[in-house]
Amino acid sequence: MENAWYTISVYSENNVGLLNRISGIFLKRHINIESLNVSKSEIDNVSKFTIVVFTTPKWVHNIVGQIEKQIEVIKVFSHTDEEIIYQEAALFKVNSSLLFDEREIQNIIKDSNAQIVTVSRDFFVISKSGRRSEVDTLYDQLKPFGIMQFVRSGRIAISKAEMQISSLLKDF
């Protein structure tokens, strides 16, 4: 079986230690978590973990089963990239002199649909949201000019198909 990108959505109660136990499930199987985001969900008092892994369908199935065994976990879903709509966000800190001295930087920002979020005497900050490849492309374009700092968020995703979590909780 071929490895592929999978996004695992975990709906759970917000309890201390759950993240540690979930990450341990991946650790035991030597599967790297490529991206992790935890946030409030569309349901009151329910958190949503969005975990991205590069592995086989068999391992994803096994992992989903193990995560669902955790007491605080309500429901777990796994999706391929084609089944979801997803984004990442990134911030780039770059030397301010480049903004005015290098016309190419302005073109890169414009062409990538990025935004300048702050400008100071010493640096400016560019914000970019989009698919991982879009953020990577902007990084590659800015790298020759010198990136002072870089940070990217974990993936956030929603499924194209309806996820029955709300009706599941009503029945629960």
N, C-alpha and C. Protein backbone atom coordinates (compact mmCIF):
# COMPACT_ATOMS: atom_id res chain seq x y z
N MET A 1 0.83 -1.19 0.00
CA MET A 1 0.00 0.00 0.00
C MET A 1 0.87 1.24 0.00
N GLU A 2 0.45 2.21 -0.75
CA GLU A 2 1.19 3.45 -0.91
C GLU A 2 0.89 4.43 0.23
N ASN A 3 1.90 5.16 0.65
CA ASN A 3 1.69 6.24 1.60
C ASN A 3 0.96 7.38 0.93
N ALA A 4 0.13 8.07 1.69
CA ALA A 4 -0.60 9.24 1.21
C ALA A 4 -0.81 10.18 2.39
N TRP A 5 -1.24 11.40 2.07
CA TRP A 5 -1.55 12.37 3.12
C TRP A 5 -2.95 12.11 3.65
N TYR A 6 -3.08 12.09 4.97
CA TYR A 6 -4.38 11.92 5.62
C TYR A 6 -4.54 12.99 6.68
N THR A 7 -5.75 13.50 6.78
CA THR A 7 -6.11 14.44 7.83
C THR A 7 -7.07 13.72 8.76
N ILE A 8 -6.69 13.65 10.02
CA ILE A 8 -7.50 12.98 11.04
C ILE A 8 -8.14 14.06 11.91
N SER A 9 -9.46 14.03 12.01
CA SER A 9 -10.20 14.97 12.85
C SER A 9 -10.69 14.24 14.08
N VAL A 10 -10.31 14.73 15.24
CA VAL A 10 -10.68 14.11 16.50
C VAL A 10 -11.57 15.09 17.27
N TYR A 11 -12.79 14.70 17.55
CA TYR A 11 -13.69 15.49 18.38
C TYR A 11 -13.64 14.92 19.79
N SER A 12 -13.40 15.79 20.77
CA SER A 12 -13.22 15.29 22.13
C SER A 12 -13.63 16.32 23.17
N GLU A 13 -13.77 15.83 24.39
CA GLU A 13 -13.87 16.71 25.54
C GLU A 13 -12.49 17.34 25.70
N ASN A 14 -12.44 18.50 26.32
CA ASN A 14 -11.17 19.20 26.49
C ASN A 14 -10.58 18.83 27.84
N ASN A 15 -9.79 17.76 27.89
CA ASN A 15 -9.20 17.29 29.15
C ASN A 15 -7.69 17.31 29.09
N VAL A 16 -7.09 17.57 30.23
CA VAL A 16 -5.63 17.59 30.36
C VAL A 16 -5.09 16.18 30.09
N GLY A 17 -4.03 16.10 29.31
CA GLY A 17 -3.35 14.82 29.07
C GLY A 17 -3.78 14.10 27.81
N LEU A 18 -4.89 14.50 27.20
CA LEU A 18 -5.37 13.79 26.01
C LEU A 18 -4.39 13.95 24.85
N LEU A 19 -3.87 15.14 24.65
CA LEU A 19 -2.92 15.36 23.56
C LEU A 19 -1.71 14.45 23.73
N ASN A 20 -1.24 14.30 24.94
CA ASN A 20 -0.09 13.43 25.21
C ASN A 20 -0.41 11.98 24.84
N ARG A 21 -1.59 11.51 25.22
CA ARG A 21 -1.96 10.12 24.90
C ARG A 21 -2.15 9.92 23.40
N ILE A 22 -2.73 10.91 22.73
CA ILE A 22 -2.91 10.80 21.28
C ILE A 22 -1.56 10.78 20.58
N SER A 23 -0.66 11.68 20.97
CA SER A 23 0.66 11.70 20.32
C SER A 23 1.41 10.39 20.60
N GLY A 24 1.18 9.78 21.75
CA GLY A 24 1.80 8.50 22.07
C GLY A 24 1.37 7.39 21.13
N ILE A 25 0.14 7.46 20.65
CA ILE A 25 -0.36 6.47 19.69
C ILE A 25 0.47 6.52 18.41
N PHE A 26 0.82 7.71 17.97
CA PHE A 26 1.64 7.87 16.76
C PHE A 26 3.09 7.46 17.03
N LEU A 27 3.58 7.82 18.21
CA LEU A 27 4.95 7.49 18.60
C LEU A 27 5.18 5.98 18.60
N LYS A 28 4.26 5.23 19.16
CA LYS A 28 4.40 3.77 19.23
C LYS A 28 4.49 3.14 17.85
N ARG A 29 3.88 3.77 16.87
CA ARG A 29 3.85 3.23 15.50
C ARG A 29 4.91 3.87 14.61
N HIS A 30 5.73 4.74 15.19
CA HIS A 30 6.79 5.45 14.44
C HIS A 30 6.21 6.23 13.26
N ILE A 31 5.07 6.86 13.49
CA ILE A 31 4.44 7.70 12.46
C ILE A 31 4.59 9.15 12.91
N ASN A 32 5.19 9.96 12.04
CA ASN A 32 5.42 11.36 12.36
C ASN A 32 4.14 12.16 12.15
N ILE A 33 3.83 13.02 13.10
CA ILE A 33 2.73 13.97 12.94
C ILE A 33 3.31 15.15 12.17
N GLU A 34 2.82 15.36 10.96
CA GLU A 34 3.33 16.43 10.10
C GLU A 34 2.76 17.79 10.48
N SER A 35 1.53 17.79 11.01
CA SER A 35 0.86 19.02 11.38
C SER A 35 -0.17 18.69 12.45
N LEU A 36 -0.32 19.63 13.39
CA LEU A 36 -1.27 19.43 14.49
C LEU A 36 -1.90 20.76 14.85
N ASN A 37 -3.20 20.78 14.94
CA ASN A 37 -3.92 21.96 15.37
C ASN A 37 -5.03 21.51 16.31
N VAL A 38 -5.19 22.22 17.40
CA VAL A 38 -6.29 21.95 18.33
C VAL A 38 -7.05 23.24 18.52
N SER A 39 -8.38 23.15 18.38
CA SER A 39 -9.18 24.36 18.51
C SER A 39 -10.58 24.02 19.00
N LYS A 40 -11.30 25.04 19.25
CA LYS A 40 -12.72 24.93 19.55
C LYS A 40 -13.40 24.38 18.29
N SER A 41 -14.47 23.63 18.45
CA SER A 41 -15.18 23.11 17.28
C SER A 41 -16.53 23.82 17.14
N GLU A 42 -17.33 23.37 16.21
CA GLU A 42 -18.65 23.94 15.99
C GLU A 42 -19.63 23.56 17.10
N ILE A 43 -19.22 22.69 18.00
CA ILE A 43 -20.08 22.20 19.08
C ILE A 43 -19.55 22.75 20.41
N ASP A 44 -20.44 23.33 21.21
CA ASP A 44 -20.04 23.88 22.50
C ASP A 44 -19.35 22.83 23.36
N ASN A 45 -18.26 23.22 24.01
CA ASN A 45 -17.50 22.38 24.94
C ASN A 45 -16.87 21.15 24.29
N VAL A 46 -16.70 21.16 22.98
CA VAL A 46 -16.04 20.07 22.26
C VAL A 46 -14.87 20.64 21.48
N SER A 47 -13.70 20.05 21.66
CA SER A 47 -12.50 20.47 20.94
C SER A 47 -12.31 19.62 19.70
N LYS A 48 -11.61 20.19 18.73
CA LYS A 48 -11.30 19.46 17.50
C LYS A 48 -9.79 19.46 17.29
N PHE A 49 -9.22 18.27 17.22
CA PHE A 49 -7.83 18.08 16.87
C PHE A 49 -7.79 17.83 15.37
N THR A 50 -6.92 18.52 14.65
CA THR A 50 -6.71 18.26 13.24
C THR A 50 -5.26 17.80 13.11
N ILE A 51 -5.08 16.53 12.73
CA ILE A 51 -3.76 15.91 12.69
C ILE A 51 -3.48 15.47 11.26
N VAL A 52 -2.31 15.82 10.74
CA VAL A 52 -1.93 15.44 9.38
C VAL A 52 -0.78 14.45 9.46
N VAL A 53 -0.94 13.33 8.74
CA VAL A 53 0.09 12.29 8.70
C VAL A 53 0.29 11.83 7.26
N PHE A 54 1.46 11.27 6.99
CA PHE A 54 1.79 10.70 5.69
C PHE A 54 2.03 9.21 5.95
N THR A 55 1.06 8.38 5.62
CA THR A 55 1.15 6.96 5.93
C THR A 55 0.21 6.17 5.02
N THR A 56 0.03 4.89 5.35
CA THR A 56 -0.82 4.01 4.55
C THR A 56 -2.25 4.01 5.07
N PRO A 57 -3.21 3.62 4.23
CA PRO A 57 -4.61 3.53 4.69
C PRO A 57 -4.77 2.58 5.88
N LYS A 58 -4.01 1.49 5.87
CA LYS A 58 -4.09 0.53 6.97
C LYS A 58 -3.70 1.16 8.30
N TRP A 59 -2.59 1.91 8.30
CA TRP A 59 -2.14 2.55 9.53
C TRP A 59 -3.12 3.61 9.99
N VAL A 60 -3.70 4.36 9.06
CA VAL A 60 -4.69 5.38 9.44
C VAL A 60 -5.88 4.70 10.11
N HIS A 61 -6.35 3.61 9.54
CA HIS A 61 -7.47 2.87 10.11
C HIS A 61 -7.13 2.41 11.54
N ASN A 62 -5.93 1.87 11.73
CA ASN A 62 -5.50 1.41 13.06
C ASN A 62 -5.42 2.57 14.06
N ILE A 63 -4.86 3.68 13.61
CA ILE A 63 -4.71 4.85 14.47
C ILE A 63 -6.08 5.39 14.89
N VAL A 64 -6.98 5.51 13.95
CA VAL A 64 -8.33 6.00 14.25
C VAL A 64 -8.97 5.12 15.32
N GLY A 65 -8.84 3.82 15.18
CA GLY A 65 -9.39 2.90 16.17
C GLY A 65 -8.79 3.09 17.55
N GLN A 66 -7.48 3.30 17.60
CA GLN A 66 -6.81 3.51 18.89
C GLN A 66 -7.21 4.83 19.54
N ILE A 67 -7.32 5.87 18.74
CA ILE A 67 -7.71 7.18 19.28
C ILE A 67 -9.14 7.11 19.82
N GLU A 68 -10.02 6.42 19.09
CA GLU A 68 -11.42 6.34 19.54
C GLU A 68 -11.57 5.60 20.87
N LYS A 69 -10.57 4.83 21.27
CA LYS A 69 -10.62 4.11 22.55
C LYS A 69 -10.38 5.02 23.74
N GLN A 70 -9.86 6.23 23.49
CA GLN A 70 -9.62 7.17 24.58
C GLN A 70 -10.97 7.65 25.14
N ILE A 71 -11.11 7.67 26.44
CA ILE A 71 -12.39 7.96 27.08
C ILE A 71 -12.97 9.31 26.67
N GLU A 72 -12.13 10.34 26.58
CA GLU A 72 -12.64 11.69 26.27
C GLU A 72 -12.99 11.89 24.80
N VAL A 73 -12.60 10.96 23.95
CA VAL A 73 -12.82 11.12 22.51
C VAL A 73 -14.26 10.76 22.16
N ILE A 74 -14.90 11.66 21.43
CA ILE A 74 -16.29 11.45 21.02
C ILE A 74 -16.35 10.73 19.68
N LYS A 75 -15.58 11.23 18.69
CA LYS A 75 -15.60 10.62 17.36
C LYS A 75 -14.34 11.03 16.62
N VAL A 76 -13.84 10.12 15.76
CA VAL A 76 -12.66 10.38 14.95
C VAL A 76 -13.01 10.12 13.48
N PHE A 77 -12.57 11.00 12.62
CA PHE A 77 -12.76 10.87 11.17
C PHE A 77 -11.39 10.96 10.51
N SER A 78 -11.22 10.25 9.39
CA SER A 78 -10.00 10.43 8.60
C SER A 78 -10.40 10.74 7.17
N HIS A 79 -9.61 11.58 6.54
CA HIS A 79 -9.91 12.04 5.17
C HIS A 79 -8.64 12.13 4.35
N THR A 80 -8.78 11.89 3.07
CA THR A 80 -7.70 12.18 2.13
C THR A 80 -7.78 13.66 1.77
N ASP A 81 -6.75 14.19 1.13
CA ASP A 81 -6.74 15.60 0.76
C ASP A 81 -7.89 15.95 -0.20
N GLU A 82 -8.32 15.01 -1.00
CA GLU A 82 -9.40 15.28 -1.96
C GLU A 82 -10.76 15.42 -1.27
N GLU A 83 -10.88 14.92 -0.05
CA GLU A 83 -12.16 14.92 0.66
C GLU A 83 -12.35 16.12 1.58
N ILE A 84 -11.36 17.01 1.62
CA ILE A 84 -11.42 18.14 2.53
C ILE A 84 -11.05 19.45 1.84
N ILE A 85 -11.38 20.53 2.53
CA ILE A 85 -10.92 21.86 2.15
C ILE A 85 -10.00 22.29 3.29
N TYR A 86 -8.77 22.65 2.96
CA TYR A 86 -7.81 22.93 4.02
C TYR A 86 -6.94 24.13 3.70
N GLN A 87 -6.39 24.69 4.76
CA GLN A 87 -5.51 25.85 4.67
C GLN A 87 -4.45 25.76 5.76
N GLU A 88 -3.37 26.47 5.55
CA GLU A 88 -2.36 26.73 6.56
C GLU A 88 -2.10 28.23 6.54
N ALA A 89 -1.49 28.72 7.58
CA ALA A 89 -1.11 30.13 7.63
C ALA A 89 0.38 30.21 7.98
N ALA A 90 1.02 31.26 7.49
CA ALA A 90 2.44 31.44 7.78
C ALA A 90 2.74 32.92 7.93
N LEU A 91 3.76 33.22 8.74
CA LEU A 91 4.28 34.57 8.89
C LEU A 91 5.76 34.57 8.54
N PHE A 92 6.18 35.57 7.79
CA PHE A 92 7.57 35.74 7.39
C PHE A 92 8.05 37.11 7.88
N LYS A 93 9.13 37.14 8.60
CA LYS A 93 9.74 38.40 9.04
C LYS A 93 10.96 38.65 8.16
N VAL A 94 10.98 39.81 7.50
CA VAL A 94 12.02 40.12 6.52
C VAL A 94 12.56 41.53 6.82
N ASN A 95 13.82 41.75 6.50
CA ASN A 95 14.47 43.04 6.69
C ASN A 95 13.72 44.13 5.94
N SER A 96 13.42 45.24 6.63
CA SER A 96 12.63 46.34 6.03
C SER A 96 13.28 46.97 4.82
N SER A 97 14.59 47.06 4.80
CA SER A 97 15.25 47.73 3.68
C SER A 97 14.91 47.03 2.35
N LEU A 98 14.66 45.73 2.41
CA LEU A 98 14.35 44.99 1.19
C LEU A 98 13.02 45.40 0.58
N LEU A 99 12.08 45.81 1.42
CA LEU A 99 10.77 46.19 0.92
C LEU A 99 10.86 47.39 -0.03
N PHE A 100 11.78 48.28 0.27
CA PHE A 100 11.91 49.49 -0.54
C PHE A 100 13.01 49.38 -1.59
N ASP A 101 14.03 48.56 -1.32
CA ASP A 101 15.17 48.47 -2.23
C ASP A 101 15.03 47.37 -3.29
N GLU A 102 14.23 46.38 -3.01
CA GLU A 102 14.09 45.24 -3.93
C GLU A 102 12.66 45.20 -4.49
N ARG A 103 12.49 45.70 -5.67
CA ARG A 103 11.17 45.72 -6.31
C ARG A 103 10.61 44.30 -6.45
N GLU A 104 11.51 43.34 -6.62
CA GLU A 104 11.10 41.95 -6.80
C GLU A 104 10.32 41.42 -5.58
N ILE A 105 10.70 41.87 -4.38
CA ILE A 105 9.98 41.45 -3.15
C ILE A 105 8.52 41.88 -3.24
N GLN A 106 8.28 43.10 -3.66
CA GLN A 106 6.90 43.59 -3.79
C GLN A 106 6.12 42.75 -4.80
N ASN A 107 6.77 42.37 -5.89
CA ASN A 107 6.11 41.53 -6.89
C ASN A 107 5.81 40.14 -6.35
N ILE A 108 6.74 39.59 -5.59
CA ILE A 108 6.54 38.26 -4.99
C ILE A 108 5.34 38.29 -4.06
N ILE A 109 5.25 39.31 -3.23
CA ILE A 109 4.13 39.44 -2.28
C ILE A 109 2.81 39.55 -3.04
N LYS A 110 2.80 40.39 -4.05
CA LYS A 110 1.58 40.59 -4.83
C LYS A 110 1.18 39.32 -5.57
N ASP A 111 2.12 38.68 -6.24
CA ASP A 111 1.83 37.50 -7.04
C ASP A 111 1.39 36.30 -6.19
N SER A 112 1.82 36.25 -4.94
CA SER A 112 1.47 35.12 -4.08
C SER A 112 0.21 35.37 -3.27
N ASN A 113 -0.42 36.53 -3.48
CA ASN A 113 -1.61 36.91 -2.71
C ASN A 113 -1.35 36.92 -1.21
N ALA A 114 -0.13 37.32 -0.84
CA ALA A 114 0.22 37.47 0.57
C ALA A 114 -0.09 38.91 0.98
N GLN A 115 0.00 39.15 2.29
CA GLN A 115 -0.28 40.49 2.80
C GLN A 115 0.85 40.93 3.72
N ILE A 116 1.13 42.22 3.68
CA ILE A 116 2.05 42.79 4.65
C ILE A 116 1.20 43.19 5.85
N VAL A 117 1.52 42.62 7.02
CA VAL A 117 0.69 42.89 8.20
C VAL A 117 1.28 43.95 9.12
N THR A 118 2.58 44.17 9.04
CA THR A 118 3.19 45.25 9.81
C THR A 118 4.52 45.64 9.17
N VAL A 119 4.84 46.92 9.31
CA VAL A 119 6.12 47.44 8.82
C VAL A 119 6.73 48.27 9.93
N SER A 120 7.97 47.99 10.25
CA SER A 120 8.70 48.82 11.23
C SER A 120 10.01 49.25 10.57
N ARG A 121 10.79 49.98 11.32
CA ARG A 121 12.06 50.48 10.78
C ARG A 121 13.00 49.33 10.40
N ASP A 122 12.99 48.24 11.19
CA ASP A 122 13.96 47.17 11.00
C ASP A 122 13.43 45.96 10.23
N PHE A 123 12.13 45.76 10.23
CA PHE A 123 11.58 44.57 9.59
C PHE A 123 10.14 44.81 9.15
N PHE A 124 9.68 43.93 8.28
CA PHE A 124 8.25 43.89 7.95
C PHE A 124 7.82 42.44 8.01
N VAL A 125 6.52 42.23 8.21
CA VAL A 125 5.98 40.88 8.36
C VAL A 125 4.96 40.63 7.27
N ILE A 126 5.14 39.50 6.61
CA ILE A 126 4.24 39.06 5.54
C ILE A 126 3.40 37.90 6.08
N SER A 127 2.11 37.94 5.78
CA SER A 127 1.20 36.86 6.16
C SER A 127 0.72 36.17 4.89
N LYS A 128 0.73 34.85 4.91
CA LYS A 128 0.27 34.07 3.77
C LYS A 128 -0.58 32.91 4.27
N SER A 129 -1.77 32.77 3.73
CA SER A 129 -2.56 31.58 4.02
C SER A 129 -2.85 30.88 2.70
N GLY A 130 -2.96 29.56 2.77
CA GLY A 130 -3.22 28.77 1.58
C GLY A 130 -2.80 27.34 1.79
N ARG A 131 -2.65 26.64 0.72
CA ARG A 131 -2.20 25.25 0.80
C ARG A 131 -0.72 25.21 1.15
N ARG A 132 -0.29 24.08 1.66
CA ARG A 132 1.11 23.93 2.08
C ARG A 132 2.07 24.29 0.94
N SER A 133 1.75 23.86 -0.28
CA SER A 133 2.62 24.12 -1.43
C SER A 133 2.73 25.62 -1.71
N GLU A 134 1.66 26.39 -1.48
CA GLU A 134 1.69 27.83 -1.70
C GLU A 134 2.62 28.51 -0.68
N VAL A 135 2.53 28.08 0.57
CA VAL A 135 3.41 28.62 1.61
C VAL A 135 4.86 28.26 1.30
N ASP A 136 5.09 27.00 0.88
CA ASP A 136 6.44 26.55 0.54
C ASP A 136 7.01 27.36 -0.62
N THR A 137 6.19 27.65 -1.62
CA THR A 137 6.64 28.43 -2.77
C THR A 137 7.06 29.84 -2.35
N LEU A 138 6.24 30.47 -1.51
CA LEU A 138 6.60 31.81 -1.04
C LEU A 138 7.88 31.76 -0.22
N TYR A 139 8.03 30.75 0.62
CA TYR A 139 9.26 30.57 1.40
C TYR A 139 10.47 30.48 0.47
N ASP A 140 10.37 29.64 -0.56
CA ASP A 140 11.48 29.45 -1.51
C ASP A 140 11.81 30.75 -2.24
N GLN A 141 10.79 31.56 -2.55
CA GLN A 141 11.02 32.82 -3.25
C GLN A 141 11.67 33.88 -2.35
N LEU A 142 11.31 33.87 -1.05
CA LEU A 142 11.85 34.87 -0.13
C LEU A 142 13.21 34.48 0.45
N LYS A 143 13.52 33.20 0.47
CA LYS A 143 14.75 32.71 1.10
C LYS A 143 16.01 33.40 0.57
N PRO A 144 16.16 33.58 -0.74
CA PRO A 144 17.40 34.24 -1.22
C PRO A 144 17.58 35.67 -0.68
N PHE A 145 16.50 36.32 -0.27
CA PHE A 145 16.58 37.68 0.26
C PHE A 145 16.89 37.69 1.76
N GLY A 146 16.73 36.54 2.41
CA GLY A 146 16.99 36.44 3.84
C GLY A 146 15.71 36.55 4.65
N ILE A 147 15.30 35.47 5.24
CA ILE A 147 14.13 35.46 6.12
C ILE A 147 14.65 35.51 7.55
N MET A 148 14.25 36.53 8.29
CA MET A 148 14.71 36.71 9.66
C MET A 148 14.02 35.71 10.60
N GLN A 149 12.73 35.51 10.39
CA GLN A 149 11.96 34.53 11.16
C GLN A 149 10.85 33.97 10.27
N PHE A 150 10.47 32.73 10.56
CA PHE A 150 9.39 32.08 9.82
C PHE A 150 8.63 31.17 10.77
N VAL A 151 7.32 31.18 10.65
CA VAL A 151 6.48 30.26 11.42
C VAL A 151 5.25 29.91 10.57
N ARG A 152 4.82 28.66 10.69
CA ARG A 152 3.61 28.25 9.97
C ARG A 152 2.70 27.54 10.96
N SER A 153 1.43 27.62 10.69
CA SER A 153 0.44 26.97 11.55
C SER A 153 0.26 25.53 11.13
N GLY A 154 -0.44 24.80 11.96
CA GLY A 154 -0.90 23.48 11.54
C GLY A 154 -2.04 23.64 10.56
N ARG A 155 -2.35 22.57 9.89
CA ARG A 155 -3.46 22.57 8.94
C ARG A 155 -4.78 22.75 9.68
N ILE A 156 -5.66 23.53 9.08
CA ILE A 156 -7.04 23.56 9.51
C ILE A 156 -7.85 23.03 8.34
N ALA A 157 -8.88 22.25 8.64
CA ALA A 157 -9.60 21.59 7.56
C ALA A 157 -11.06 21.37 7.91
N ILE A 158 -11.88 21.39 6.90
CA ILE A 158 -13.27 20.98 7.01
C ILE A 158 -13.54 19.99 5.89
N SER A 159 -14.45 19.06 6.14
CA SER A 159 -14.73 18.05 5.14
C SER A 159 -15.70 18.58 4.10
N LYS A 160 -15.60 18.07 2.90
CA LYS A 160 -16.55 18.43 1.86
C LYS A 160 -17.89 17.76 2.15
N ALA A 161 -17.85 16.53 2.58
CA ALA A 161 -19.07 15.80 2.93
C ALA A 161 -19.49 16.18 4.35
N GLU A 162 -20.77 16.01 4.63
CA GLU A 162 -21.27 16.30 5.98
C GLU A 162 -20.68 15.30 6.97
N MET A 163 -20.19 15.82 8.08
CA MET A 163 -19.71 14.95 9.15
C MET A 163 -20.82 14.90 10.20
N GLN A 164 -21.26 13.75 10.52
CA GLN A 164 -22.44 13.55 11.34
C GLN A 164 -22.20 13.78 12.83
N ILE A 165 -21.21 14.58 13.18
CA ILE A 165 -20.86 14.75 14.59
C ILE A 165 -21.97 15.42 15.40
N SER A 166 -22.62 16.43 14.87
CA SER A 166 -23.67 17.13 15.62
C SER A 166 -24.85 16.22 15.91
N SER A 167 -25.29 15.48 14.90
CA SER A 167 -26.42 14.57 15.13
C SER A 167 -25.99 13.42 16.05
N LEU A 168 -24.75 13.01 15.96
CA LEU A 168 -24.24 11.97 16.85
C LEU A 168 -24.29 12.42 18.30
N LEU A 169 -23.92 13.69 18.55
CA LEU A 169 -23.95 14.20 19.90
C LEU A 169 -25.37 14.37 20.43
N LYS A 170 -26.31 14.74 19.56
CA LYS A 170 -27.70 14.85 19.99
C LYS A 170 -28.23 13.50 20.44
N ASP A 171 -27.86 12.44 19.70
CA ASP A 171 -28.30 11.09 20.07
C ASP A 171 -27.60 10.62 21.33
N PHE A 172 -26.38 11.13 21.55
CA PHE A 172 -25.58 10.75 22.70
C PHE A 172 -26.19 11.33 23.96
